[in-house]
C-alpha atoms as a PDB file:
ATOM      1  CA  UNK A   1     -35.225 104.857 134.342  1.00  0.00           C
ATOM      2  CA  UNK A   2     -37.383 101.693 134.403  1.00  0.00           C
ATOM      3  CA  UNK A   3     -36.091  98.732 136.377  1.00  0.00           C
ATOM      4  CA  UNK A   4     -35.643  96.516 133.284  1.00  0.00           C
ATOM      5  CA  UNK A   5     -33.300  99.043 131.706  1.00  0.00           C
ATOM      6  CA  UNK A   6     -31.315  99.533 134.915  1.00  0.00           C
ATOM      7  CA  UNK A   7     -30.822  95.802 135.414  1.00  0.00           C
ATOM      8  CA  UNK A   8     -30.179  95.028 131.748  1.00  0.00           C
ATOM      9  CA  UNK A   9     -27.245  97.448 131.838  1.00  0.00           C
ATOM     10  CA  UNK A  10     -25.451  95.672 134.700  1.00  0.00           C
ATOM     11  CA  UNK A  11     -22.282  94.090 133.341  1.00  0.00           C
ATOM     12  CA  UNK A  12     -21.426  90.523 134.287  1.00  0.00           C
ATOM     13  CA  UNK A  13     -17.862  90.265 135.518  1.00  0.00           C
ATOM     14  CA  UNK A  14     -17.820  93.960 136.423  1.00  0.00           C
ATOM     15  CA  UNK A  15     -20.520  94.629 139.023  1.00  0.00           C
ATOM     16  CA  UNK A  16     -22.365  91.300 139.030  1.00  0.00           C
ATOM     17  CA  UNK A  17     -21.634  87.604 138.556  1.00  0.00           C
ATOM     18  CA  UNK A  18     -24.270  86.914 135.884  1.00  0.00           C
ATOM     19  CA  UNK A  19     -26.828  88.853 133.848  1.00  0.00           C
ATOM     20  CA  UNK A  20     -28.922  87.079 131.259  1.00  0.00           C
ATOM     21  CA  UNK A  21     -31.818  84.754 130.650  1.00  0.00           C
ATOM     22  CA  UNK A  22     -32.973  82.757 133.656  1.00  0.00           C
ATOM     23  CA  UNK A  23     -33.018  79.541 131.607  1.00  0.00           C
ATOM     24  CA  UNK A  24     -29.379  80.034 130.708  1.00  0.00           C
ATOM     25  CA  UNK A  25     -28.505  80.753 134.325  1.00  0.00           C
ATOM     26  CA  UNK A  26     -30.227  77.574 135.508  1.00  0.00           C
ATOM     27  CA  UNK A  27     -28.272  75.473 133.045  1.00  0.00           C
ATOM     28  CA  UNK A  28     -24.961  76.651 134.529  1.00  0.00           C
ATOM     29  CA  UNK A  29     -25.753  77.170 138.234  1.00  0.00           C
ATOM     30  CA  UNK A  30     -25.894  73.940 140.254  1.00  0.00           C
ATOM     31  CA  UNK A  31     -25.219  75.799 143.533  1.00  0.00           C
ATOM     32  CA  UNK A  32     -28.853  76.826 144.036  1.00  0.00           C
ATOM     33  CA  UNK A  33     -30.643  75.318 147.019  1.00  0.00           C
ATOM     34  CA  UNK A  34     -33.773  73.229 146.380  1.00  0.00           C
ATOM     35  CA  UNK A  35     -36.212  76.047 147.122  1.00  0.00           C
ATOM     36  CA  UNK A  36     -34.615  78.492 144.711  1.00  0.00           C
ATOM     37  CA  UNK A  37     -33.997  75.826 142.079  1.00  0.00           C
ATOM     38  CA  UNK A  38     -37.646  74.780 142.050  1.00  0.00           C
ATOM     39  CA  UNK A  39     -38.972  78.347 142.114  1.00  0.00           C
ATOM     40  CA  UNK A  40     -36.649  79.653 139.412  1.00  0.00           C
ATOM     41  CA  UNK A  41     -37.292  76.622 137.192  1.00  0.00           C
ATOM     42  CA  UNK A  42     -41.061  77.119 137.464  1.00  0.00           C
ATOM     43  CA  UNK A  43     -40.764  80.806 136.608  1.00  0.00           C
ATOM     44  CA  UNK A  44     -38.446  80.121 133.680  1.00  0.00           C
ATOM     45  CA  UNK A  45     -40.829  77.511 132.317  1.00  0.00           C
ATOM     46  CA  UNK A  46     -43.874  79.766 132.422  1.00  0.00           C
ATOM     47  CA  UNK A  47     -42.023  82.961 131.416  1.00  0.00           C
ATOM     48  CA  UNK A  48     -39.046  81.965 129.219  1.00  0.00           C
ATOM     49  CA  UNK A  49     -37.988  85.589 128.663  1.00  0.00           C
ATOM     50  CA  UNK A  50     -37.379  86.165 132.381  1.00  0.00           C
ATOM     51  CA  UNK A  51     -33.876  87.435 133.103  1.00  0.00           C
ATOM     52  CA  UNK A  52     -31.744  87.305 136.241  1.00  0.00           C
ATOM     53  CA  UNK A  53     -28.866  89.239 137.776  1.00  0.00           C
ATOM     54  CA  UNK A  54     -26.765  87.361 140.320  1.00  0.00           C
ATOM     55  CA  UNK A  55     -24.720  89.029 143.074  1.00  0.00           C
ATOM     56  CA  UNK A  56     -25.168  92.623 142.009  1.00  0.00           C
ATOM     57  CA  UNK A  57     -22.703  94.753 143.966  1.00  0.00           C
ATOM     58  CA  UNK A  58     -23.430  98.217 145.288  1.00  0.00           C
ATOM     59  CA  UNK A  59     -21.554 100.894 147.186  1.00  0.00           C
ATOM     60  CA  UNK A  60     -22.982 102.528 150.318  1.00  0.00           C
ATOM     61  CA  UNK A  61     -23.983 106.157 149.839  1.00  0.00           C
ATOM     62  CA  UNK A  62     -22.795 107.700 153.078  1.00  0.00           C
ATOM     63  CA  UNK A  63     -24.213 111.099 152.096  1.00  0.00           C
ATOM     64  CA  UNK A  64     -27.792 109.781 152.320  1.00  0.00           C
ATOM     65  CA  UNK A  65     -29.386 111.035 155.519  1.00  0.00           C
ATOM     66  CA  UNK A  66     -30.378 107.679 157.009  1.00  0.00           C
ATOM     67  CA  UNK A  67     -26.854 106.356 156.502  1.00  0.00           C
ATOM     68  CA  UNK A  68     -25.418 109.266 158.489  1.00  0.00           C
ATOM     69  CA  UNK A  69     -28.011 109.308 161.228  1.00  0.00           C
ATOM     70  CA  UNK A  70     -28.016 105.635 162.201  1.00  0.00           C
ATOM     71  CA  UNK A  71     -24.584 106.073 163.797  1.00  0.00           C
ATOM     72  CA  UNK A  72     -23.019 102.897 162.456  1.00  0.00           C
ATOM     73  CA  UNK A  73     -19.677 104.113 161.176  1.00  0.00           C
ATOM     74  CA  UNK A  74     -18.190 100.654 160.673  1.00  0.00           C
ATOM     75  CA  UNK A  75     -19.933 100.489 157.294  1.00  0.00           C
ATOM     76  CA  UNK A  76     -17.712 103.361 156.101  1.00  0.00           C
ATOM     77  CA  UNK A  77     -14.640 101.227 156.787  1.00  0.00           C
ATOM     78  CA  UNK A  78     -15.557  98.844 153.958  1.00  0.00           C
ATOM     79  CA  UNK A  79     -14.165  99.928 150.620  1.00  0.00           C
ATOM     80  CA  UNK A  80     -15.558  99.234 147.173  1.00  0.00           C
ATOM     81  CA  UNK A  81     -19.098  97.898 146.841  1.00  0.00           C
ATOM     82  CA  UNK A  82     -19.815  95.807 149.942  1.00  0.00           C
ATOM     83  CA  UNK A  83     -23.600  95.502 149.555  1.00  0.00           C
ATOM     84  CA  UNK A  84     -24.600  92.498 147.444  1.00  0.00           C
ATOM     85  CA  UNK A  85     -28.068  91.721 146.048  1.00  0.00           C
ATOM     86  CA  UNK A  86     -28.092  87.903 145.678  1.00  0.00           C
ATOM     87  CA  UNK A  87     -30.715  87.351 142.931  1.00  0.00           C
ATOM     88  CA  UNK A  88     -32.792  89.826 140.956  1.00  0.00           C
ATOM     89  CA  UNK A  89     -35.346  88.336 138.581  1.00  0.00           C
ATOM     90  CA  UNK A  90     -36.704  90.830 136.067  1.00  0.00           C
ATOM     91  CA  UNK A  91     -38.871  91.111 132.991  1.00  0.00           C
ATOM     92  CA  UNK A  92     -41.554  93.093 131.174  1.00  0.00           C
ATOM     93  CA  UNK A  93     -45.186  91.957 131.087  1.00  0.00           C
ATOM     94  CA  UNK A  94     -48.074  93.874 129.511  1.00  0.00           C
ATOM     95  CA  UNK A  95     -45.611  96.714 128.880  1.00  0.00           C
ATOM     96  CA  UNK A  96     -44.885  96.957 132.604  1.00  0.00           C
ATOM     97  CA  UNK A  97     -41.489  96.254 134.121  1.00  0.00           C
ATOM     98  CA  UNK A  98     -41.081  94.192 137.270  1.00  0.00           C
ATOM     99  CA  UNK A  99     -38.223  92.896 139.393  1.00  0.00           C
ATOM    100  CA  UNK A 100     -38.086  90.593 142.388  1.00  0.00           C
ATOM    101  CA  UNK A 101     -35.149  90.573 144.774  1.00  0.00           C
ATOM    102  CA  UNK A 102     -34.803  87.011 146.113  1.00  0.00           C
ATOM    103  CA  UNK A 103     -32.643  85.884 149.020  1.00  0.00           C
ATOM    104  CA  UNK A 104     -31.954  82.243 149.922  1.00  0.00           C
ATOM    105  CA  UNK A 105     -34.069  81.397 152.942  1.00  0.00           C
ATOM    106  CA  UNK A 106     -32.561  81.812 156.414  1.00  0.00           C
ATOM    107  CA  UNK A 107     -33.779  82.937 159.804  1.00  0.00           C
ATOM    108  CA  UNK A 108     -34.256  86.727 159.752  1.00  0.00           C
ATOM    109  CA  UNK A 109     -33.468  86.705 156.025  1.00  0.00           C
ATOM    110  CA  UNK A 110     -36.598  88.696 155.226  1.00  0.00           C
ATOM    111  CA  UNK A 111     -35.315  91.563 157.371  1.00  0.00           C
ATOM    112  CA  UNK A 112     -32.066  91.551 155.404  1.00  0.00           C
ATOM    113  CA  UNK A 113     -34.058  91.592 152.159  1.00  0.00           C
ATOM    114  CA  UNK A 114     -36.051  94.627 153.335  1.00  0.00           C
ATOM    115  CA  UNK A 115     -32.855  96.367 154.386  1.00  0.00           C
ATOM    116  CA  UNK A 116     -31.385  95.718 150.948  1.00  0.00           C
ATOM    117  CA  UNK A 117     -34.450  97.286 149.364  1.00  0.00           C
ATOM    118  CA  UNK A 118     -34.004 100.449 151.392  1.00  0.00           C
ATOM    119  CA  UNK A 119     -30.449 100.661 150.075  1.00  0.00           C
ATOM    120  CA  UNK A 120     -31.647 100.134 146.509  1.00  0.00           C
ATOM    121  CA  UNK A 121     -34.435 102.690 146.737  1.00  0.00           C
ATOM    122  CA  UNK A 122     -32.685 105.540 148.542  1.00  0.00           C
ATOM    123  CA  UNK A 123     -32.395 108.969 146.985  1.00  0.00           C
ATOM    124  CA  UNK A 124     -29.675 109.169 144.362  1.00  0.00           C
ATOM    125  CA  UNK A 125     -29.448 105.426 143.677  1.00  0.00           C
ATOM    126  CA  UNK A 126     -29.844 104.161 140.137  1.00  0.00           C
ATOM    127  CA  UNK A 127     -32.964 102.260 141.254  1.00  0.00           C
ATOM    128  CA  UNK A 128     -34.648 105.256 142.871  1.00  0.00           C
ATOM    129  CA  UNK A 129     -37.001 105.968 139.955  1.00  0.00           C
ATOM    130  CA  UNK A 130     -37.822 102.245 139.695  1.00  0.00           C
ATOM    131  CA  UNK A 131     -38.398 101.687 143.425  1.00  0.00           C
ATOM    132  CA  UNK A 132     -42.105 100.925 142.914  1.00  0.00           C
ATOM    133  CA  UNK A 133     -41.276  98.106 140.497  1.00  0.00           C
ATOM    134  CA  UNK A 134     -39.278  95.955 142.950  1.00  0.00           C
ATOM    135  CA  UNK A 135     -40.503  93.267 145.364  1.00  0.00           C
ATOM    136  CA  UNK A 136     -38.377  91.564 148.042  1.00  0.00           C
ATOM    137  CA  UNK A 137     -38.694  87.907 148.992  1.00  0.00           C
ATOM    138  CA  UNK A 138     -37.010  85.458 151.344  1.00  0.00           C
ATOM    139  CA  UNK A 139     -39.207  82.384 151.470  1.00  0.00           C
ATOM    140  CA  UNK A 140     -38.810  78.761 152.557  1.00  0.00           C
ATOM    141  CA  UNK A 141     -41.277  77.421 149.977  1.00  0.00           C
ATOM    142  CA  UNK A 142     -40.806  77.705 146.185  1.00  0.00           C
ATOM    143  CA  UNK A 143     -44.542  78.326 145.699  1.00  0.00           C
ATOM    144  CA  UNK A 144     -44.306  81.574 147.656  1.00  0.00           C
ATOM    145  CA  UNK A 145     -41.564  82.876 145.360  1.00  0.00           C
ATOM    146  CA  UNK A 146     -43.535  81.964 142.248  1.00  0.00           C
ATOM    147  CA  UNK A 147     -46.626  83.605 143.718  1.00  0.00           C
ATOM    148  CA  UNK A 148     -44.717  86.810 144.425  1.00  0.00           C
ATOM    149  CA  UNK A 149     -43.421  86.873 140.855  1.00  0.00           C
ATOM    150  CA  UNK A 150     -46.889  86.325 139.392  1.00  0.00           C
ATOM    151  CA  UNK A 151     -48.577  88.802 141.737  1.00  0.00           C
ATOM    152  CA  UNK A 152     -46.305  91.507 140.331  1.00  0.00           C
ATOM    153  CA  UNK A 153     -48.056  91.131 136.970  1.00  0.00           C
ATOM    154  CA  UNK A 154     -51.363  92.264 138.477  1.00  0.00           C
ATOM    155  CA  UNK A 155     -50.668  94.259 141.644  1.00  0.00           C
ATOM    156  CA  UNK A 156     -48.449  97.097 142.793  1.00  0.00           C
ATOM    157  CA  UNK A 157     -45.222  96.055 144.484  1.00  0.00           C
ATOM    158  CA  UNK A 158     -46.071  98.127 147.556  1.00  0.00           C
ATOM    159  CA  UNK A 159     -49.382  96.393 148.212  1.00  0.00           C
ATOM    160  CA  UNK A 160     -47.801  92.948 147.820  1.00  0.00           C
ATOM    161  CA  UNK A 161     -44.926  93.902 150.099  1.00  0.00           C
ATOM    162  CA  UNK A 162     -47.244  95.161 152.828  1.00  0.00           C
ATOM    163  CA  UNK A 163     -49.069  91.817 152.741  1.00  0.00           C
ATOM    164  CA  UNK A 164     -45.805  89.925 153.035  1.00  0.00           C
ATOM    165  CA  UNK A 165     -44.686  92.240 155.829  1.00  0.00           C
ATOM    166  CA  UNK A 166     -47.788  91.255 157.801  1.00  0.00           C
ATOM    167  CA  UNK A 167     -46.839  87.607 157.414  1.00  0.00           C
ATOM    168  CA  UNK A 168     -43.556  88.352 159.198  1.00  0.00           C
ATOM    169  CA  UNK A 169     -44.455  91.013 161.775  1.00  0.00           C
ATOM    170  CA  UNK A 170     -47.745  92.522 162.941  1.00  0.00           C
ATOM    171  CA  UNK A 171     -46.409  95.960 163.808  1.00  0.00           C
ATOM    172  CA  UNK A 172     -43.245  97.987 164.191  1.00  0.00           C
ATOM    173  CA  UNK A 173     -42.565  96.738 167.710  1.00  0.00           C
ATOM    174  CA  UNK A 174     -42.484  93.146 166.468  1.00  0.00           C
ATOM    175  CA  UNK A 175     -40.160  94.201 163.661  1.00  0.00           C
ATOM    176  CA  UNK A 176     -37.879  95.971 166.133  1.00  0.00           C
ATOM    177  CA  UNK A 177     -37.789  92.904 168.391  1.00  0.00           C
ATOM    178  CA  UNK A 178     -36.854  90.704 165.438  1.00  0.00           C
ATOM    179  CA  UNK A 179     -34.214  93.199 164.303  1.00  0.00           C
ATOM    180  CA  UNK A 180     -32.577  93.170 167.727  1.00  0.00           C
ATOM    181  CA  UNK A 181     -32.723  89.362 167.830  1.00  0.00           C
ATOM    182  CA  UNK A 182     -31.193  89.183 164.359  1.00  0.00           C
ATOM    183  CA  UNK A 183     -28.343  91.510 165.340  1.00  0.00           C
ATOM    184  CA  UNK A 184     -27.640  89.413 168.438  1.00  0.00           C
ATOM    185  CA  UNK A 185     -27.707  86.211 166.386  1.00  0.00           C
ATOM    186  CA  UNK A 186     -25.146  87.623 163.946  1.00  0.00           C
ATOM    187  CA  UNK A 187     -23.003  88.821 166.872  1.00  0.00           C
ATOM    188  CA  UNK A 188     -23.012  85.356 168.444  1.00  0.00           C
ATOM    189  CA  UNK A 189     -22.211  83.699 165.119  1.00  0.00           C
ATOM    190  CA  UNK A 190     -19.376  86.145 164.501  1.00  0.00           C
ATOM    191  CA  UNK A 191     -17.854  85.540 167.946  1.00  0.00           C
ATOM    192  CA  UNK A 192     -17.744  81.787 167.291  1.00  0.00           C
ATOM    193  CA  UNK A 193     -16.753  81.845 163.629  1.00  0.00           C
ATOM    194  CA  UNK A 194     -13.993  84.446 163.582  1.00  0.00           C
ATOM    195  CA  UNK A 195     -11.740  82.546 165.979  1.00  0.00           C
ATOM    196  CA  UNK A 196     -11.879  79.495 163.709  1.00  0.00           C
ATOM    197  CA  UNK A 197     -11.242  80.943 160.231  1.00  0.00           C
ATOM    198  CA  UNK A 198      -7.869  81.874 158.778  1.00  0.00           C
ATOM    199  CA  UNK A 199      -9.049  84.736 156.565  1.00  0.00           C
ATOM    200  CA  UNK A 200     -11.406  86.921 158.586  1.00  0.00           C
ATOM    201  CA  UNK A 201     -11.853  89.683 156.025  1.00  0.00           C
ATOM    202  CA  UNK A 202     -14.828  88.304 154.007  1.00  0.00           C
ATOM    203  CA  UNK A 203     -16.657  87.262 157.170  1.00  0.00           C
ATOM    204  CA  UNK A 204     -16.180  90.639 158.838  1.00  0.00           C
ATOM    205  CA  UNK A 205     -17.305  92.368 155.667  1.00  0.00           C
ATOM    206  CA  UNK A 206     -20.506  90.292 155.606  1.00  0.00           C
ATOM    207  CA  UNK A 207     -21.268  90.846 159.294  1.00  0.00           C
ATOM    208  CA  UNK A 208     -20.776  94.611 159.042  1.00  0.00           C
ATOM    209  CA  UNK A 209     -23.116  94.833 156.049  1.00  0.00           C
ATOM    210  CA  UNK A 210     -25.787  92.757 157.778  1.00  0.00           C
ATOM    211  CA  UNK A 211     -25.757  94.903 160.899  1.00  0.00           C
ATOM    212  CA  UNK A 212     -25.953  97.981 158.700  1.00  0.00           C
ATOM    213  CA  UNK A 213     -28.956  96.601 156.829  1.00  0.00           C
ATOM    214  CA  UNK A 214     -30.785  95.806 160.065  1.00  0.00           C
ATOM    215  CA  UNK A 215     -30.115  99.262 161.479  1.00  0.00           C
ATOM    216  CA  UNK A 216     -31.189 100.880 158.236  1.00  0.00           C
ATOM    217  CA  UNK A 217     -34.385  98.825 158.195  1.00  0.00           C
ATOM    218  CA  UNK A 218     -35.373  99.793 161.735  1.00  0.00           C
ATOM    219  CA  UNK A 219     -34.607 103.442 161.044  1.00  0.00           C
ATOM    220  CA  UNK A 220     -36.377 103.792 157.702  1.00  0.00           C
ATOM    221  CA  UNK A 221     -39.379 101.621 158.570  1.00  0.00           C
ATOM    222  CA  UNK A 222     -40.013 103.816 161.602  1.00  0.00           C
ATOM    223  CA  UNK A 223     -39.639 107.027 159.609  1.00  0.00           C
ATOM    224  CA  UNK A 224     -42.080 106.026 156.857  1.00  0.00           C
ATOM    225  CA  UNK A 225     -44.798 105.161 159.389  1.00  0.00           C
ATOM    226  CA  UNK A 226     -47.127 108.175 159.337  1.00  0.00           C
ATOM    227  CA  UNK A 227     -49.398 106.645 161.992  1.00  0.00           C
ATOM    228  CA  UNK A 228     -46.501 106.579 164.447  1.00  0.00           C
ATOM    229  CA  UNK A 229     -45.652 110.164 163.601  1.00  0.00           C
ATOM    230  CA  UNK A 230     -49.210 111.280 164.318  1.00  0.00           C
ATOM    231  CA  UNK A 231     -50.062 109.116 167.317  1.00  0.00           C
ATOM    232  CA  UNK A 232     -46.708 108.935 169.112  1.00  0.00           C
ATOM    233  CA  UNK A 233     -44.899 112.124 168.118  1.00  0.00           C
ATOM    234  CA  UNK A 234     -47.804 114.569 167.597  1.00  0.00           C
ATOM    235  CA  UNK A 235     -46.789 115.035 163.977  1.00  0.00           C
ATOM    236  CA  UNK A 236     -43.261 116.178 164.902  1.00  0.00           C
ATOM    237  CA  UNK A 237     -40.886 114.594 162.389  1.00  0.00           C
ATOM    238  CA  UNK A 238     -37.839 115.661 164.417  1.00  0.00           C
ATOM    239  CA  UNK A 239     -39.027 113.654 167.430  1.00  0.00           C
ATOM    240  CA  UNK A 240     -39.772 110.728 165.144  1.00  0.00           C
ATOM    241  CA  UNK A 241     -36.298 110.912 163.624  1.00  0.00           C
ATOM    242  CA  UNK A 242     -34.666 110.954 167.057  1.00  0.00           C
ATOM    243  CA  UNK A 243     -36.601 107.859 168.123  1.00  0.00           C
ATOM    244  CA  UNK A 244     -35.810 106.120 164.827  1.00  0.00           C
ATOM    245  CA  UNK A 245     -32.118 106.674 165.544  1.00  0.00           C
ATOM    246  CA  UNK A 246     -32.536 105.272 169.068  1.00  0.00           C
ATOM    247  CA  UNK A 247     -34.263 102.203 167.627  1.00  0.00           C
ATOM    248  CA  UNK A 248     -31.424 101.588 165.169  1.00  0.00           C
ATOM    249  CA  UNK A 249     -28.896 101.980 167.996  1.00  0.00           C
ATOM    250  CA  UNK A 250     -30.486  99.032 169.804  1.00  0.00           C
ATOM    251  CA  UNK A 251     -29.307  96.506 167.210  1.00  0.00           C
ATOM    252  CA  UNK A 252     -26.394  94.705 168.939  1.00  0.00           C
ATOM    253  CA  UNK A 253     -23.122  94.183 167.093  1.00  0.00           C
ATOM    254  CA  UNK A 254     -19.397  93.651 167.510  1.00  0.00           C
ATOM    255  CA  UNK A 255     -17.135  96.612 166.807  1.00  0.00           C
ATOM    256  CA  UNK A 256     -14.978  96.453 163.693  1.00  0.00           C
ATOM    257  CA  UNK A 257     -11.639  96.340 165.539  1.00  0.00           C
ATOM    258  CA  UNK A 258     -13.016  93.840 168.050  1.00  0.00           C
ATOM    259  CA  UNK A 259     -13.769  91.379 165.255  1.00  0.00           C
ATOM    260  CA  UNK A 260     -10.192  91.565 164.010  1.00  0.00           C
ATOM    261  CA  UNK A 261      -8.651  90.823 167.396  1.00  0.00           C
ATOM    262  CA  UNK A 262     -11.250  88.538 168.995  1.00  0.00           C
ATOM    263  CA  UNK A 263      -9.611  85.342 170.239  1.00  0.00           C
ATOM    264  CA  UNK A 264      -6.081  86.799 170.028  1.00  0.00           C
ATOM    265  CA  UNK A 265      -3.701  88.237 172.605  1.00  0.00           C
ATOM    266  CA  UNK A 266      -4.516  91.725 171.312  1.00  0.00           C
ATOM    267  CA  UNK A 267      -8.115  91.337 172.501  1.00  0.00           C
ATOM    268  CA  UNK A 268      -7.076  92.020 176.089  1.00  0.00           C
ATOM    269  CA  UNK A 269      -4.698  94.875 175.375  1.00  0.00           C
END
């Protein structure tokens, strides 16, 4: 199924917060930051038929091999559909569908965006057949978002994504380093935040998903690298898979139970 059809069928109020024309969304959504507001307004002006899905929710398919192998069982403790895709712009141009997953800019946000894509594109997902029609962006400048949207009209999503990847990391080792740093940053934030909030549940849910996305990214990105398989593992996919699992294990995190009791008397029990 093409990406336009998949996204058009998402029901607002059921599995997403909004699904409709971007112009309509902009007229009712003052919560956008300046970067997204400027980028989305420019896209809506040049392509008035552009549509947007906000906060599309998705369940985690635990039967998918990478979800089992990365050894992060805390994700299975979240019920419902814990994975959320913040903004998905989509449309059809020259009879070709395109979609751009956009995250509000934050440090390490691009890694989260790439992790989200690997959830969207995994075997058995409703986006699997449309995986080559989706681009992921997390940019600090509105021009970069507009450029990504326009590039999709002329180039394959994969070629654009590889270029953007190179803007963020030169090789897998740099990606791995950033993934570990991102996991540690989330861990430190969680340790400080959870002792201050009354309702921990939504925060814990968000932290668990983020660690899962980082682990999934490091695992999958290693597995799809054929050069690594040939040069490091002598073409042995089993050795590559074992190392991919080790890489994912290096992302630091706080255990699920630990987050519930941190800062309480039960922490020392």
